[in-house]
Amino acid sequence: MNKEKKDKIIVFGGKSIRRVWNDNEWYFSIVDIIEILTDSSIPKRYWSDLKIKLSGEDFEVYDFIVQLKLKAPDGKLRETDCANTKSIFRIIQSIPSKKAEPFKRWLAKIGYERVQEIENPELAQDRAKEYYEKKGYPKKWIDKRLRGIAVRQELTEEWKNREINEKGDYAILTNEIARATFGLSIKKHKKIKDLDTRFKNQNLRDHMTDLELIFSMLGEASTTEIVKSKDILGFGENKKAAREGGEVAGRARKDLETKTGKKVVSEKNYLKQSAKLKKKKKKIKIIAN
């Protein structure tokens, strides 16, 4: 699972829980969980009182709590008390709530699935495959998309091991590859496909054509090989490598466009394809009736 992984907000009983990936595991917002279990209108105050109580029970709260930046209701990132699954279980024990047991079972399932995926990465791919199948994507496209995820993961692992830690740096480097590969930025690529970044179902790669996916993979795989072969460290050198990796894919793209007379970057997106499919099915249903 890479840094751009799965939802940062999960839902239990119709209420949202913020979480953040930290130190190779999920950390959950404690006040969000307290609000769900207690129905408190002031969960922060409840948590403040609970911390005092836990300290009195020889539970060294600050040994288990980590302050991490989560998005607040006003959209800004603010430091929030968070805890991993194990510590959340301990905290829940001190909260009298009928929801505690079902919540613990739900939380354990989330943790168990993650452990399974670490031990067997194929499970993560199986879940992704199931997701795309339910969305109606064709099998050949799904195979390419899953391969692209694996290529992306290998690249981000290299970045992580080469002094690239900030999410913003990942975005800059990814954009550098995309710009050299397709001749335009990710933002412009999304605009061509008429995608809106405010919506979760409008991730650019989920709306790429087969060829766009292939050239994306080539750009990222080439970058990985350049980074490894030159044993690159630091943001500046990695940015240069990202550009060089993208240029490998860019030259291949231009060569194909010259030979076919067709542009690789397409306006096609899954939203339009899905709408056409629904319209077609509706028409068939009307005729059948």
Protein backbone atom coordinates (compact mmCIF):
# COMPACT_ATOMS: atom_id res chain seq x y z
CA MET A 1 0.00 0.00 0.00
CA ASN A 2 1.60 3.29 -1.03
CA LYS A 3 1.44 6.80 0.36
CA GLU A 4 -1.48 7.70 -1.82
CA LYS A 5 -3.30 4.76 -0.45
CA LYS A 6 -6.89 4.13 0.47
CA ASP A 7 -9.29 6.61 2.04
CA LYS A 8 -7.99 8.77 4.88
CA ILE A 9 -11.55 8.93 6.19
CA ILE A 10 -13.45 5.79 7.14
CA VAL A 11 -17.03 5.49 8.31
CA PHE A 12 -18.54 3.62 11.26
CA GLY A 13 -22.25 3.86 11.99
CA GLY A 14 -22.65 6.68 9.51
CA LYS A 15 -20.00 8.85 11.21
CA SER A 16 -16.54 9.69 9.91
CA ILE A 17 -13.23 8.81 11.52
CA ARG A 18 -10.10 10.57 10.32
CA ARG A 19 -6.94 8.52 10.06
CA VAL A 20 -3.39 9.00 8.83
CA TRP A 21 -0.68 6.58 7.68
CA ASN A 22 2.27 6.88 10.07
CA ASP A 23 5.23 4.61 10.79
CA ASN A 24 3.82 1.85 8.54
CA GLU A 25 0.38 1.64 10.20
CA TRP A 26 -2.87 3.57 10.54
CA TYR A 27 -3.32 6.09 13.34
CA PHE A 28 -6.87 7.17 14.16
CA SER A 29 -8.26 10.43 15.51
CA ILE A 30 -9.14 9.74 19.14
CA VAL A 31 -11.76 12.50 19.44
CA ASP A 32 -13.58 11.15 16.37
CA ILE A 33 -13.82 7.72 17.99
CA ILE A 34 -14.93 9.20 21.31
CA GLU A 35 -17.67 11.18 19.58
CA ILE A 36 -18.98 7.96 18.00
CA LEU A 37 -18.87 5.87 21.18
CA THR A 38 -20.22 8.49 23.59
CA ASP A 39 -22.41 10.69 21.37
CA SER A 40 -20.76 13.55 23.26
CA SER A 41 -21.38 17.05 21.88
CA ILE A 42 -17.96 18.06 23.22
CA PRO A 43 -15.69 15.04 22.51
CA LYS A 44 -12.53 17.11 23.08
CA ARG A 45 -13.56 17.80 26.68
CA TYR A 46 -14.50 14.15 27.19
CA TRP A 47 -11.05 13.14 25.91
CA SER A 48 -9.36 15.70 28.16
CA ASP A 49 -11.11 14.25 31.22
CA LEU A 50 -10.40 10.70 30.09
CA LYS A 51 -6.68 11.41 29.78
CA ILE A 52 -6.61 12.46 33.43
CA LYS A 53 -8.48 9.29 34.41
CA LEU A 54 -6.15 7.04 32.39
CA SER A 55 -3.08 8.67 33.92
CA GLY A 56 -4.51 7.82 37.34
CA GLU A 57 -4.76 4.19 36.23
CA ASP A 58 -1.01 4.07 35.51
CA PHE A 59 -1.65 4.30 31.79
CA GLU A 60 1.08 6.58 30.46
CA VAL A 61 -1.12 8.29 27.88
CA TYR A 62 1.60 10.29 26.18
CA ASP A 63 3.67 7.17 25.57
CA PHE A 64 0.93 5.92 23.23
CA ILE A 65 -0.51 9.10 21.74
CA VAL A 66 1.01 10.81 18.71
CA GLN A 67 0.03 14.27 17.54
CA LEU A 68 -0.40 14.12 13.78
CA LYS A 69 -1.82 16.61 11.30
CA LEU A 70 -5.37 15.82 10.20
CA LYS A 71 -7.78 17.89 8.18
CA ALA A 72 -10.11 19.89 10.45
CA PRO A 73 -13.70 20.88 9.54
CA ASP A 74 -12.39 24.23 8.24
CA GLY A 75 -10.19 22.37 5.75
CA LYS A 76 -6.91 23.21 7.48
CA LEU A 77 -4.42 20.65 8.77
CA ARG A 78 -4.22 20.69 12.56
CA GLU A 79 -2.28 18.58 15.05
CA THR A 80 -4.63 16.01 16.53
CA ASP A 81 -4.24 13.33 19.19
CA CYS A 82 -4.01 10.01 17.36
CA ALA A 83 -3.33 6.41 18.34
CA ASN A 84 -2.73 3.13 16.55
CA THR A 85 -5.12 0.18 16.70
CA LYS A 86 -3.55 -1.38 19.80
CA SER A 87 -3.70 1.85 21.82
CA ILE A 88 -7.24 2.60 20.64
CA PHE A 89 -8.35 -0.77 22.08
CA ARG A 90 -6.88 0.23 25.46
CA ILE A 91 -8.63 3.58 25.40
CA ILE A 92 -11.97 2.01 24.45
CA GLN A 93 -11.84 -0.18 27.57
CA SER A 94 -12.23 2.97 29.67
CA ILE A 95 -15.27 4.24 27.77
CA PRO A 96 -18.65 2.87 28.94
CA SER A 97 -20.58 2.44 25.71
CA LYS A 98 -22.90 -0.11 24.13
CA LYS A 99 -21.13 0.58 20.85
CA ALA A 100 -17.74 -0.46 22.23
CA GLU A 101 -17.91 -4.15 21.30
CA PRO A 102 -19.17 -3.77 17.71
CA PHE A 103 -16.67 -0.96 17.23
CA LYS A 104 -13.79 -3.15 18.47
CA ARG A 105 -14.81 -5.94 16.09
CA TRP A 106 -14.95 -3.45 13.22
CA LEU A 107 -11.57 -1.96 14.12
CA ALA A 108 -10.00 -5.41 14.47
CA LYS A 109 -11.23 -6.31 10.98
CA ILE A 110 -9.57 -3.21 9.52
CA GLY A 111 -6.31 -4.04 11.29
CA TYR A 112 -6.47 -7.70 10.31
CA GLU A 113 -6.97 -6.87 6.65
CA ARG A 114 -3.91 -4.62 6.75
CA VAL A 115 -1.79 -7.34 8.39
CA GLN A 116 -2.93 -9.78 5.72
CA GLU A 117 -1.92 -7.36 2.98
CA ILE A 118 1.54 -6.84 4.49
CA GLU A 119 2.12 -10.60 4.70
CA ASN A 120 0.57 -11.22 1.28
CA PRO A 121 0.56 -8.14 -1.02
CA GLU A 122 -1.54 -10.06 -3.56
CA LEU A 123 -4.56 -9.60 -1.28
CA ALA A 124 -4.39 -5.83 -1.69
CA GLN A 125 -4.38 -6.30 -5.45
CA ASP A 126 -7.30 -8.74 -5.20
CA ARG A 127 -9.33 -6.10 -3.36
CA ALA A 128 -8.44 -3.47 -5.94
CA LYS A 129 -9.37 -5.86 -8.74
CA GLU A 130 -12.75 -6.55 -7.12
CA TYR A 131 -13.36 -2.79 -6.79
CA TYR A 132 -12.69 -2.13 -10.49
CA GLU A 133 -14.75 -5.14 -11.57
CA LYS A 134 -17.73 -3.82 -9.61
CA LYS A 135 -17.27 -0.47 -11.33
CA GLY A 136 -17.54 -2.24 -14.68
CA TYR A 137 -14.02 -1.73 -15.98
CA PRO A 138 -12.87 -4.23 -18.67
CA LYS A 139 -10.52 -7.02 -17.55
CA LYS A 140 -7.64 -5.96 -19.83
CA TRP A 141 -7.79 -2.43 -18.43
CA ILE A 142 -7.86 -3.74 -14.85
CA ASP A 143 -4.74 -5.84 -15.50
CA LYS A 144 -2.87 -2.76 -16.70
CA ARG A 145 -4.13 -0.62 -13.82
CA LEU A 146 -3.01 -3.17 -11.22
CA ARG A 147 0.38 -3.49 -12.89
CA GLY A 148 0.63 0.30 -12.82
CA ILE A 149 -0.05 0.29 -9.07
CA ALA A 150 2.80 -2.19 -8.54
CA VAL A 151 5.16 -0.07 -10.67
CA ARG A 152 4.15 3.02 -8.70
CA GLN A 153 4.75 1.29 -5.38
CA GLU A 154 8.25 0.26 -6.41
CA LEU A 155 9.05 3.86 -7.35
CA THR A 156 7.71 5.38 -4.13
CA GLU A 157 9.67 2.83 -2.10
CA GLU A 158 12.83 3.98 -3.88
CA TRP A 159 11.96 7.61 -3.16
CA LYS A 160 11.35 6.83 0.49
CA ASN A 161 14.76 5.18 0.75
CA ARG A 162 16.43 8.14 -0.96
CA GLU A 163 15.54 10.99 1.39
CA ILE A 164 12.18 11.88 -0.17
CA ASN A 165 9.71 12.02 2.72
CA GLU A 166 7.26 14.85 2.13
CA LYS A 167 3.98 14.11 0.35
CA GLY A 168 4.38 17.41 -1.50
CA ASP A 169 7.72 16.20 -2.89
CA TYR A 170 6.08 13.01 -4.17
CA ALA A 171 3.50 15.12 -6.00
CA ILE A 172 6.16 17.35 -7.58
CA LEU A 173 8.24 14.38 -8.74
CA THR A 174 5.17 12.58 -10.10
CA ASN A 175 4.16 15.70 -12.01
CA GLU A 176 7.70 15.95 -13.42
CA ILE A 177 7.41 12.42 -14.84
CA ALA A 178 3.91 13.10 -16.21
CA ARG A 179 4.94 16.37 -17.86
CA ALA A 180 7.88 14.69 -19.64
CA THR A 181 5.78 11.64 -20.56
CA PHE A 182 2.68 13.35 -21.95
CA GLY A 183 3.90 16.86 -22.65
CA LEU A 184 1.52 18.37 -20.11
CA SER A 185 1.03 18.57 -16.36
CA ILE A 186 -1.29 16.31 -14.36
CA LYS A 187 -3.60 19.30 -13.81
CA LYS A 188 -3.91 19.94 -17.55
CA HIS A 189 -4.33 16.21 -18.23
CA LYS A 190 -7.28 16.18 -15.82
CA LYS A 191 -8.73 19.26 -17.49
CA ILE A 192 -8.62 17.56 -20.90
CA LYS A 193 -10.57 14.65 -19.40
CA ASP A 194 -13.01 17.05 -17.75
CA LEU A 195 -12.21 15.71 -14.27
CA ASP A 196 -12.85 17.55 -11.02
CA THR A 197 -10.29 16.99 -8.22
CA ARG A 198 -12.97 17.66 -5.57
CA PHE A 199 -14.51 14.24 -6.19
CA LYS A 200 -12.88 10.98 -5.04
CA ASN A 201 -14.09 9.04 -8.07
CA GLN A 202 -12.14 11.31 -10.41
CA ASN A 203 -8.59 10.08 -9.86
CA LEU A 204 -6.74 10.64 -13.16
CA ARG A 205 -5.33 7.12 -13.47
CA ASP A 206 -8.78 5.59 -13.01
CA HIS A 207 -9.82 7.48 -16.16
CA MET A 208 -6.80 6.79 -18.35
CA THR A 209 -7.03 4.76 -21.54
CA ASP A 210 -4.93 1.62 -21.97
CA LEU A 211 -2.21 3.55 -23.79
CA GLU A 212 -2.11 6.32 -21.19
CA LEU A 213 -1.67 3.70 -18.48
CA ILE A 214 1.11 1.99 -20.44
CA PHE A 215 3.08 5.20 -20.96
CA SER A 216 2.57 6.19 -17.32
CA MET A 217 4.06 2.86 -16.29
CA LEU A 218 6.97 3.29 -18.69
CA GLY A 219 7.75 6.75 -17.28
CA GLU A 220 7.68 5.56 -13.68
CA ALA A 221 9.50 2.29 -14.32
CA SER A 222 12.22 4.17 -16.24
CA THR A 223 12.57 6.64 -13.36
CA THR A 224 12.97 3.78 -10.89
CA GLU A 225 15.74 2.21 -12.99
CA ILE A 226 17.57 5.55 -13.37
CA VAL A 227 17.34 6.25 -9.63
CA LYS A 228 18.68 2.78 -8.78
CA SER A 229 21.45 2.70 -11.39
CA LYS A 230 22.78 6.14 -10.41
CA ASP A 231 22.17 5.56 -6.68
CA ILE A 232 20.53 8.97 -6.42
CA LEU A 233 19.90 10.80 -3.13
CA GLY A 234 18.03 13.99 -2.30
CA PHE A 235 15.17 15.91 -3.89
CA GLY A 236 17.15 17.80 -6.53
CA GLU A 237 18.75 14.71 -8.06
CA ASN A 238 15.50 12.75 -7.87
CA LYS A 239 13.69 15.55 -9.69
CA LYS A 240 16.26 15.35 -12.49
CA ALA A 241 15.85 11.55 -12.63
CA ALA A 242 12.05 11.92 -12.74
CA ARG A 243 12.37 14.19 -15.76
CA GLU A 244 14.77 11.77 -17.46
CA GLY A 245 12.49 8.80 -16.77
CA GLY A 246 9.52 10.67 -18.15
CA GLU A 247 11.52 11.66 -21.24
CA VAL A 248 12.09 7.95 -22.03
CA ALA A 249 8.31 7.43 -22.11
CA GLY A 250 7.80 10.77 -23.86
CA ARG A 251 10.03 9.79 -26.78
CA ALA A 252 8.19 6.47 -27.13
CA ARG A 253 4.84 8.28 -27.05
CA LYS A 254 5.90 10.75 -29.76
CA ASP A 255 7.20 7.91 -31.91
CA LEU A 256 3.88 6.10 -31.67
CA GLU A 257 1.92 9.28 -32.40
CA THR A 258 4.04 9.89 -35.52
CA LYS A 259 3.46 6.37 -36.81
CA THR A 260 -0.30 6.25 -36.06
CA GLY A 261 -1.20 9.89 -36.59
CA LYS A 262 -3.17 9.76 -33.33
CA LYS A 263 -2.60 11.52 -30.00
CA VAL A 264 -2.10 9.27 -26.97
CA VAL A 265 -3.66 11.73 -24.52
CA SER A 266 -7.40 11.30 -24.86
CA GLU A 267 -10.53 13.10 -23.71
CA LYS A 268 -12.05 9.72 -22.87
CA ASN A 269 -12.79 9.12 -19.20
CA TYR A 270 -14.65 6.42 -17.33
CA LEU A 271 -17.42 8.81 -16.26
CA LYS A 272 -18.45 9.34 -19.89
CA GLN A 273 -18.06 5.65 -20.73
CA SER A 274 -20.13 4.68 -17.67
CA ALA A 275 -22.86 7.16 -18.58
CA LYS A 276 -23.03 5.76 -22.13
CA LEU A 277 -23.20 2.20 -20.78
CA LYS A 278 -26.05 3.10 -18.40
CA LYS A 279 -27.91 4.86 -21.21
CA LYS A 280 -27.46 1.82 -23.47
CA LYS A 281 -28.69 -0.58 -20.77
CA LYS A 282 -31.70 1.67 -20.09
CA LYS A 283 -32.55 1.72 -23.79
CA ILE A 284 -32.29 -2.09 -24.02
CA LYS A 285 -34.55 -2.42 -20.96
CA ILE A 286 -37.19 -0.12 -22.49
CA ILE A 287 -37.15 -2.08 -25.77
CA ALA A 288 -37.42 -5.38 -23.87
CA ASN A 289 -40.48 -4.14 -21.98
